[in-house]
Amino acid sequence: MTVLRPVPQPAAYKVVEVSPVSDETLERALNERTGEGWSFESLHFVTRDGSHRPALAYLFFVRGEPPGEP
């Protein structure tokens, strides 16, 4: 029996900048992109000197096979 495996597709990445940063804006961006078929990869916050509140957030998404994945 021959097992057919899908041909891996090169990974495509998307970076989304979110500002202002709030639970609503992050949730909206996450839901929009995952609804388009993107998989969430990571979240990075940018803060200003003297402030603990993030000024910006960058959401990273991937679609396809990341390098090194089977």
PDB file of N, CA and C in Angstrom:
ATOM      1  N   MET A   1       0.845  -1.178   0.000  1.00  0.00           N
ATOM      2  CA  MET A   1       0.000   0.000   0.000  1.00  0.00           C
ATOM      3  C   MET A   1       0.891   1.242   0.000  1.00  0.00           C
ATOM      4  N   THR A   2       0.561   2.188  -0.842  1.00  0.00           N
ATOM      5  CA  THR A   2       1.308   3.438  -0.931  1.00  0.00           C
ATOM      6  C   THR A   2       0.595   4.506  -0.122  1.00  0.00           C
ATOM      7  N   VAL A   3       1.353   5.170   0.740  1.00  0.00           N
ATOM      8  CA  VAL A   3       0.794   6.262   1.536  1.00  0.00           C
ATOM      9  C   VAL A   3       1.191   7.573   0.881  1.00  0.00           C
ATOM     10  N   LEU A   4       0.199   8.346   0.511  1.00  0.00           N
ATOM     11  CA  LEU A   4       0.461   9.643  -0.105  1.00  0.00           C
ATOM     12  C   LEU A   4       0.467  10.716   0.972  1.00  0.00           C
ATOM     13  N   ARG A   5       1.510  11.494   0.974  1.00  0.00           N
ATOM     14  CA  ARG A   5       1.607  12.596   1.925  1.00  0.00           C
ATOM     15  C   ARG A   5       1.527  13.900   1.149  1.00  0.00           C
ATOM     16  N   PRO A   6       0.882  14.909   1.737  1.00  0.00           N
ATOM     17  CA  PRO A   6       0.825  16.192   1.036  1.00  0.00           C
ATOM     18  C   PRO A   6       2.226  16.785   0.896  1.00  0.00           C
ATOM     19  N   VAL A   7       2.434  17.453  -0.213  1.00  0.00           N
ATOM     20  CA  VAL A   7       3.715  18.121  -0.448  1.00  0.00           C
ATOM     21  C   VAL A   7       3.764  19.346   0.457  1.00  0.00           C
ATOM     22  N   PRO A   8       4.829  19.478   1.273  1.00  0.00           N
ATOM     23  CA  PRO A   8       4.899  20.644   2.160  1.00  0.00           C
ATOM     24  C   PRO A   8       4.973  21.941   1.359  1.00  0.00           C
ATOM     25  N   GLN A   9       4.223  22.901   1.788  1.00  0.00           N
ATOM     26  CA  GLN A   9       4.234  24.217   1.161  1.00  0.00           C
ATOM     27  C   GLN A   9       5.206  25.112   1.927  1.00  0.00           C
ATOM     28  N   PRO A  10       5.915  25.991   1.230  1.00  0.00           N
ATOM     29  CA  PRO A  10       6.788  26.907   1.956  1.00  0.00           C
ATOM     30  C   PRO A  10       5.954  27.775   2.895  1.00  0.00           C
ATOM     31  N   ALA A  11       6.531  28.089   4.021  1.00  0.00           N
ATOM     32  CA  ALA A  11       5.811  28.886   5.012  1.00  0.00           C
ATOM     33  C   ALA A  11       5.667  30.325   4.533  1.00  0.00           C
ATOM     34  N   ALA A  12       4.505  30.876   4.806  1.00  0.00           N
ATOM     35  CA  ALA A  12       4.257  32.297   4.578  1.00  0.00           C
ATOM     36  C   ALA A  12       3.999  32.911   5.946  1.00  0.00           C
ATOM     37  N   TYR A  13       4.539  34.079   6.167  1.00  0.00           N
ATOM     38  CA  TYR A  13       4.389  34.742   7.456  1.00  0.00           C
ATOM     39  C   TYR A  13       3.638  36.051   7.286  1.00  0.00           C
ATOM     40  N   LYS A  14       2.902  36.432   8.332  1.00  0.00           N
ATOM     41  CA  LYS A  14       2.190  37.710   8.357  1.00  0.00           C
ATOM     42  C   LYS A  14       2.458  38.346   9.710  1.00  0.00           C
ATOM     43  N   VAL A  15       2.776  39.645   9.683  1.00  0.00           N
ATOM     44  CA  VAL A  15       2.988  40.421  10.904  1.00  0.00           C
ATOM     45  C   VAL A  15       1.908  41.490  10.951  1.00  0.00           C
ATOM     46  N   VAL A  16       1.216  41.567  12.090  1.00  0.00           N
ATOM     47  CA  VAL A  16       0.145  42.542  12.258  1.00  0.00           C
ATOM     48  C   VAL A  16       0.511  43.462  13.420  1.00  0.00           C
ATOM     49  N   GLU A  17       0.514  44.761  13.161  1.00  0.00           N
ATOM     50  CA  GLU A  17       0.783  45.755  14.203  1.00  0.00           C
ATOM     51  C   GLU A  17      -0.550  46.173  14.820  1.00  0.00           C
ATOM     52  N   VAL A  18      -0.612  46.164  16.144  1.00  0.00           N
ATOM     53  CA  VAL A  18      -1.841  46.529  16.848  1.00  0.00           C
ATOM     54  C   VAL A  18      -1.556  47.736  17.741  1.00  0.00           C
ATOM     55  N   SER A  19      -2.324  48.793  17.558  1.00  0.00           N
ATOM     56  CA  SER A  19      -2.234  49.977  18.399  1.00  0.00           C
ATOM     57  C   SER A  19      -3.562  50.706  18.305  1.00  0.00           C
ATOM     58  N   PRO A  20      -4.158  51.113  19.378  1.00  0.00           N
ATOM     59  CA  PRO A  20      -3.755  50.944  20.767  1.00  0.00           C
ATOM     60  C   PRO A  20      -3.874  49.480  21.191  1.00  0.00           C
ATOM     61  N   VAL A  21      -3.121  49.120  22.226  1.00  0.00           N
ATOM     62  CA  VAL A  21      -3.111  47.748  22.719  1.00  0.00           C
ATOM     63  C   VAL A  21      -4.155  47.602  23.817  1.00  0.00           C
ATOM     64  N   SER A  22      -5.128  46.751  23.570  1.00  0.00           N
ATOM     65  CA  SER A  22      -6.147  46.422  24.573  1.00  0.00           C
ATOM     66  C   SER A  22      -6.602  44.998  24.305  1.00  0.00           C
ATOM     67  N   ASP A  23      -7.327  44.439  25.251  1.00  0.00           N
ATOM     68  CA  ASP A  23      -7.812  43.076  25.030  1.00  0.00           C
ATOM     69  C   ASP A  23      -8.718  43.020  23.805  1.00  0.00           C
ATOM     70  N   GLU A  24      -9.505  44.072  23.570  1.00  0.00           N
ATOM     71  CA  GLU A  24     -10.417  44.071  22.426  1.00  0.00           C
ATOM     72  C   GLU A  24      -9.668  44.136  21.098  1.00  0.00           C
ATOM     73  N   THR A  25      -8.637  45.005  20.996  1.00  0.00           N
ATOM     74  CA  THR A  25      -7.922  45.134  19.727  1.00  0.00           C
ATOM     75  C   THR A  25      -7.093  43.889  19.425  1.00  0.00           C
ATOM     76  N   LEU A  26      -6.489  43.289  20.461  1.00  0.00           N
ATOM     77  CA  LEU A  26      -5.729  42.054  20.254  1.00  0.00           C
ATOM     78  C   LEU A  26      -6.654  40.917  19.842  1.00  0.00           C
ATOM     79  N   GLU A  27      -7.789  40.808  20.533  1.00  0.00           N
ATOM     80  CA  GLU A  27      -8.759  39.749  20.226  1.00  0.00           C
ATOM     81  C   GLU A  27      -9.281  39.885  18.800  1.00  0.00           C
ATOM     82  N   ARG A  28      -9.585  41.114  18.392  1.00  0.00           N
ATOM     83  CA  ARG A  28     -10.103  41.351  17.037  1.00  0.00           C
ATOM     84  C   ARG A  28      -9.065  40.930  15.989  1.00  0.00           C
ATOM     85  N   ALA A  29      -7.812  41.341  16.180  1.00  0.00           N
ATOM     86  CA  ALA A  29      -6.759  40.993  15.218  1.00  0.00           C
ATOM     87  C   ALA A  29      -6.537  39.486  15.168  1.00  0.00           C
ATOM     88  N   LEU A  30      -6.514  38.832  16.328  1.00  0.00           N
ATOM     89  CA  LEU A  30      -6.338  37.376  16.369  1.00  0.00           C
ATOM     90  C   LEU A  30      -7.481  36.664  15.649  1.00  0.00           C
ATOM     91  N   ASN A  31      -8.712  37.055  15.940  1.00  0.00           N
ATOM     92  CA  ASN A  31      -9.873  36.402  15.326  1.00  0.00           C
ATOM     93  C   ASN A  31      -9.936  36.639  13.818  1.00  0.00           C
ATOM     94  N   GLU A  32      -9.586  37.857  13.380  1.00  0.00           N
ATOM     95  CA  GLU A  32      -9.615  38.150  11.942  1.00  0.00           C
ATOM     96  C   GLU A  32      -8.615  37.288  11.180  1.00  0.00           C
ATOM     97  N   ARG A  33      -7.377  37.248  11.657  1.00  0.00           N
ATOM     98  CA  ARG A  33      -6.338  36.509  10.925  1.00  0.00           C
ATOM     99  C   ARG A  33      -6.528  35.002  11.006  1.00  0.00           C
ATOM    100  N   THR A  34      -6.898  34.465  12.158  1.00  0.00           N
ATOM    101  CA  THR A  34      -7.119  33.018  12.235  1.00  0.00           C
ATOM    102  C   THR A  34      -8.336  32.633  11.403  1.00  0.00           C
ATOM    103  N   GLY A  35      -9.308  33.534  11.284  1.00  0.00           N
ATOM    104  CA  GLY A  35     -10.458  33.293  10.421  1.00  0.00           C
ATOM    105  C   GLY A  35     -10.076  33.251   8.950  1.00  0.00           C
ATOM    106  N   GLU A  36      -8.957  33.885   8.597  1.00  0.00           N
ATOM    107  CA  GLU A  36      -8.447  33.868   7.218  1.00  0.00           C
ATOM    108  C   GLU A  36      -7.547  32.660   6.958  1.00  0.00           C
ATOM    109  N   GLY A  37      -7.376  31.802   7.964  1.00  0.00           N
ATOM    110  CA  GLY A  37      -6.566  30.599   7.772  1.00  0.00           C
ATOM    111  C   GLY A  37      -5.139  30.700   8.282  1.00  0.00           C
ATOM    112  N   TRP A  38      -4.772  31.810   8.917  1.00  0.00           N
ATOM    113  CA  TRP A  38      -3.437  31.965   9.486  1.00  0.00           C
ATOM    114  C   TRP A  38      -3.392  31.313  10.858  1.00  0.00           C
ATOM    115  N   SER A  39      -2.240  30.770  11.231  1.00  0.00           N
ATOM    116  CA  SER A  39      -2.036  30.180  12.561  1.00  0.00           C
ATOM    117  C   SER A  39      -1.201  31.141  13.393  1.00  0.00           C
ATOM    118  N   PHE A  40      -1.670  31.392  14.615  1.00  0.00           N
ATOM    119  CA  PHE A  40      -0.954  32.299  15.512  1.00  0.00           C
ATOM    120  C   PHE A  40       0.388  31.704  15.890  1.00  0.00           C
ATOM    121  N   GLU A  41       1.439  32.518  15.824  1.00  0.00           N
ATOM    122  CA  GLU A  41       2.792  32.069  16.162  1.00  0.00           C
ATOM    123  C   GLU A  41       3.323  32.726  17.428  1.00  0.00           C
ATOM    124  N   SER A  42       3.275  34.070  17.517  1.00  0.00           N
ATOM    125  CA  SER A  42       3.804  34.739  18.708  1.00  0.00           C
ATOM    126  C   SER A  42       3.281  36.166  18.807  1.00  0.00           C
ATOM    127  N   LEU A  43       3.516  36.747  19.987  1.00  0.00           N
ATOM    128  CA  LEU A  43       3.068  38.101  20.303  1.00  0.00           C
ATOM    129  C   LEU A  43       4.234  38.832  20.955  1.00  0.00           C
ATOM    130  N   HIS A  44       4.504  40.060  20.487  1.00  0.00           N
ATOM    131  CA  HIS A  44       5.598  40.864  21.044  1.00  0.00           C
ATOM    132  C   HIS A  44       5.063  42.255  21.361  1.00  0.00           C
ATOM    133  N   PHE A  45       5.356  42.724  22.580  1.00  0.00           N
ATOM    134  CA  PHE A  45       4.928  44.049  23.011  1.00  0.00           C
ATOM    135  C   PHE A  45       6.088  45.033  22.913  1.00  0.00           C
ATOM    136  N   VAL A  46       5.754  46.292  22.612  1.00  0.00           N
ATOM    137  CA  VAL A  46       6.723  47.383  22.586  1.00  0.00           C
ATOM    138  C   VAL A  46       6.277  48.388  23.636  1.00  0.00           C
ATOM    139  N   THR A  47       7.181  48.711  24.572  1.00  0.00           N
ATOM    140  CA  THR A  47       6.858  49.695  25.611  1.00  0.00           C
ATOM    141  C   THR A  47       7.728  50.930  25.434  1.00  0.00           C
ATOM    142  N   ARG A  48       7.264  52.027  25.998  1.00  0.00           N
ATOM    143  CA  ARG A  48       8.043  53.269  26.008  1.00  0.00           C
ATOM    144  C   ARG A  48       8.784  53.363  27.332  1.00  0.00           C
ATOM    145  N   ASP A  49       9.880  54.107  27.330  1.00  0.00           N
ATOM    146  CA  ASP A  49      10.627  54.318  28.573  1.00  0.00           C
ATOM    147  C   ASP A  49       9.722  54.933  29.632  1.00  0.00           C
ATOM    148  N   GLY A  50       9.791  54.396  30.838  1.00  0.00           N
ATOM    149  CA  GLY A  50       9.019  54.932  31.953  1.00  0.00           C
ATOM    150  C   GLY A  50       7.572  54.485  31.993  1.00  0.00           C
ATOM    151  N   SER A  51       7.169  53.599  31.103  1.00  0.00           N
ATOM    152  CA  SER A  51       5.782  53.125  31.080  1.00  0.00           C
ATOM    153  C   SER A  51       5.762  51.601  31.049  1.00  0.00           C
ATOM    154  N   HIS A  52       4.867  51.036  31.829  1.00  0.00           N
ATOM    155  CA  HIS A  52       4.700  49.579  31.815  1.00  0.00           C
ATOM    156  C   HIS A  52       3.634  49.151  30.806  1.00  0.00           C
ATOM    157  N   ARG A  53       2.841  50.104  30.355  1.00  0.00           N
ATOM    158  CA  ARG A  53       1.768  49.801  29.402  1.00  0.00           C
ATOM    159  C   ARG A  53       2.352  49.719  27.990  1.00  0.00           C
ATOM    160  N   PRO A  54       2.037  48.668  27.240  1.00  0.00           N
ATOM    161  CA  PRO A  54       2.576  48.568  25.881  1.00  0.00           C
ATOM    162  C   PRO A  54       2.015  49.650  24.959  1.00  0.00           C
ATOM    163  N   ALA A  55       2.891  50.207  24.141  1.00  0.00           N
ATOM    164  CA  ALA A  55       2.481  51.202  23.155  1.00  0.00           C
ATOM    165  C   ALA A  55       2.005  50.523  21.873  1.00  0.00           C
ATOM    166  N   LEU A  56       2.646  49.403  21.524  1.00  0.00           N
ATOM    167  CA  LEU A  56       2.322  48.636  20.321  1.00  0.00           C
ATOM    168  C   LEU A  56       2.415  47.161  20.636  1.00  0.00           C
ATOM    169  N   ALA A  57       1.751  46.382  19.817  1.00  0.00           N
ATOM    170  CA  ALA A  57       1.911  44.927  19.874  1.00  0.00           C
ATOM    171  C   ALA A  57       2.061  44.434  18.443  1.00  0.00           C
ATOM    172  N   TYR A  58       2.926  43.461  18.275  1.00  0.00           N
ATOM    173  CA  TYR A  58       3.099  42.811  16.977  1.00  0.00           C
ATOM    174  C   TYR A  58       2.663  41.362  17.111  1.00  0.00           C
ATOM    175  N   LEU A  59       1.723  40.962  16.277  1.00  0.00           N
ATOM    176  CA  LEU A  59       1.243  39.583  16.237  1.00  0.00           C
ATOM    177  C   LEU A  59       1.866  38.914  15.020  1.00  0.00           C
ATOM    178  N   PHE A  60       2.420  37.728  15.220  1.00  0.00           N
ATOM    179  CA  PHE A  60       3.047  36.978  14.136  1.00  0.00           C
ATOM    180  C   PHE A  60       2.211  35.743  13.833  1.00  0.00           C
ATOM    181  N   PHE A  61       1.930  35.554  12.545  1.00  0.00           N
ATOM    182  CA  PHE A  61       1.132  34.426  12.081  1.00  0.00           C
ATOM    183  C   PHE A  61       1.913  33.675  11.014  1.00  0.00           C
ATOM    184  N   VAL A  62       1.590  32.396  10.837  1.00  0.00           N
ATOM    185  CA  VAL A  62       2.253  31.571   9.825  1.00  0.00           C
ATOM    186  C   VAL A  62       1.196  30.739   9.107  1.00  0.00           C
ATOM    187  N   ARG A  63       1.483  30.443   7.838  1.00  0.00           N
ATOM    188  CA  ARG A  63       0.623  29.562   7.042  1.00  0.00           C
ATOM    189  C   ARG A  63       1.551  28.681   6.221  1.00  0.00           C
ATOM    190  N   GLY A  64       1.292  27.395   6.175  1.00  0.00           N
ATOM    191  CA  GLY A  64       2.167  26.466   5.467  1.00  0.00           C
ATOM    192  C   GLY A  64       3.069  25.750   6.447  1.00  0.00           C
ATOM    193  N   GLU A  65       4.142  25.164   5.945  1.00  0.00           N
ATOM    194  CA  GLU A  65       5.076  24.396   6.771  1.00  0.00           C
ATOM    195  C   GLU A  65       6.265  25.258   7.155  1.00  0.00           C
ATOM    196  N   PRO A  66       6.431  25.573   8.460  1.00  0.00           N
ATOM    197  CA  PRO A  66       7.626  26.297   8.875  1.00  0.00           C
ATOM    198  C   PRO A  66       8.874  25.466   8.603  1.00  0.00           C
ATOM    199  N   PRO A  67      10.023  26.098   8.381  1.00  0.00           N
ATOM    200  CA  PRO A  67      11.255  25.349   8.121  1.00  0.00           C
ATOM    201  C   PRO A  67      11.553  24.356   9.241  1.00  0.00           C
ATOM    202  N   GLY A  68      11.962  23.156   8.862  1.00  0.00           N
ATOM    203  CA  GLY A  68      12.317  22.141   9.844  1.00  0.00           C
ATOM    204  C   GLY A  68      11.160  21.296  10.325  1.00  0.00           C
ATOM    205  N   GLU A  69       9.954  21.598   9.924  1.00  0.00           N
ATOM    206  CA  GLU A  69       8.783  20.809  10.322  1.00  0.00           C
ATOM    207  C   GLU A  69       8.598  19.657   9.343  1.00  0.00           C
ATOM    208  N   PRO A  70       8.144  18.507   9.831  1.00  0.00           N
ATOM    209  CA  PRO A  70       7.918  17.372   8.905  1.00  0.00           C
ATOM    210  C   PRO A  70       6.723  17.592   8.014  1.00  0.00           C
TER     211      PRO A  70
END
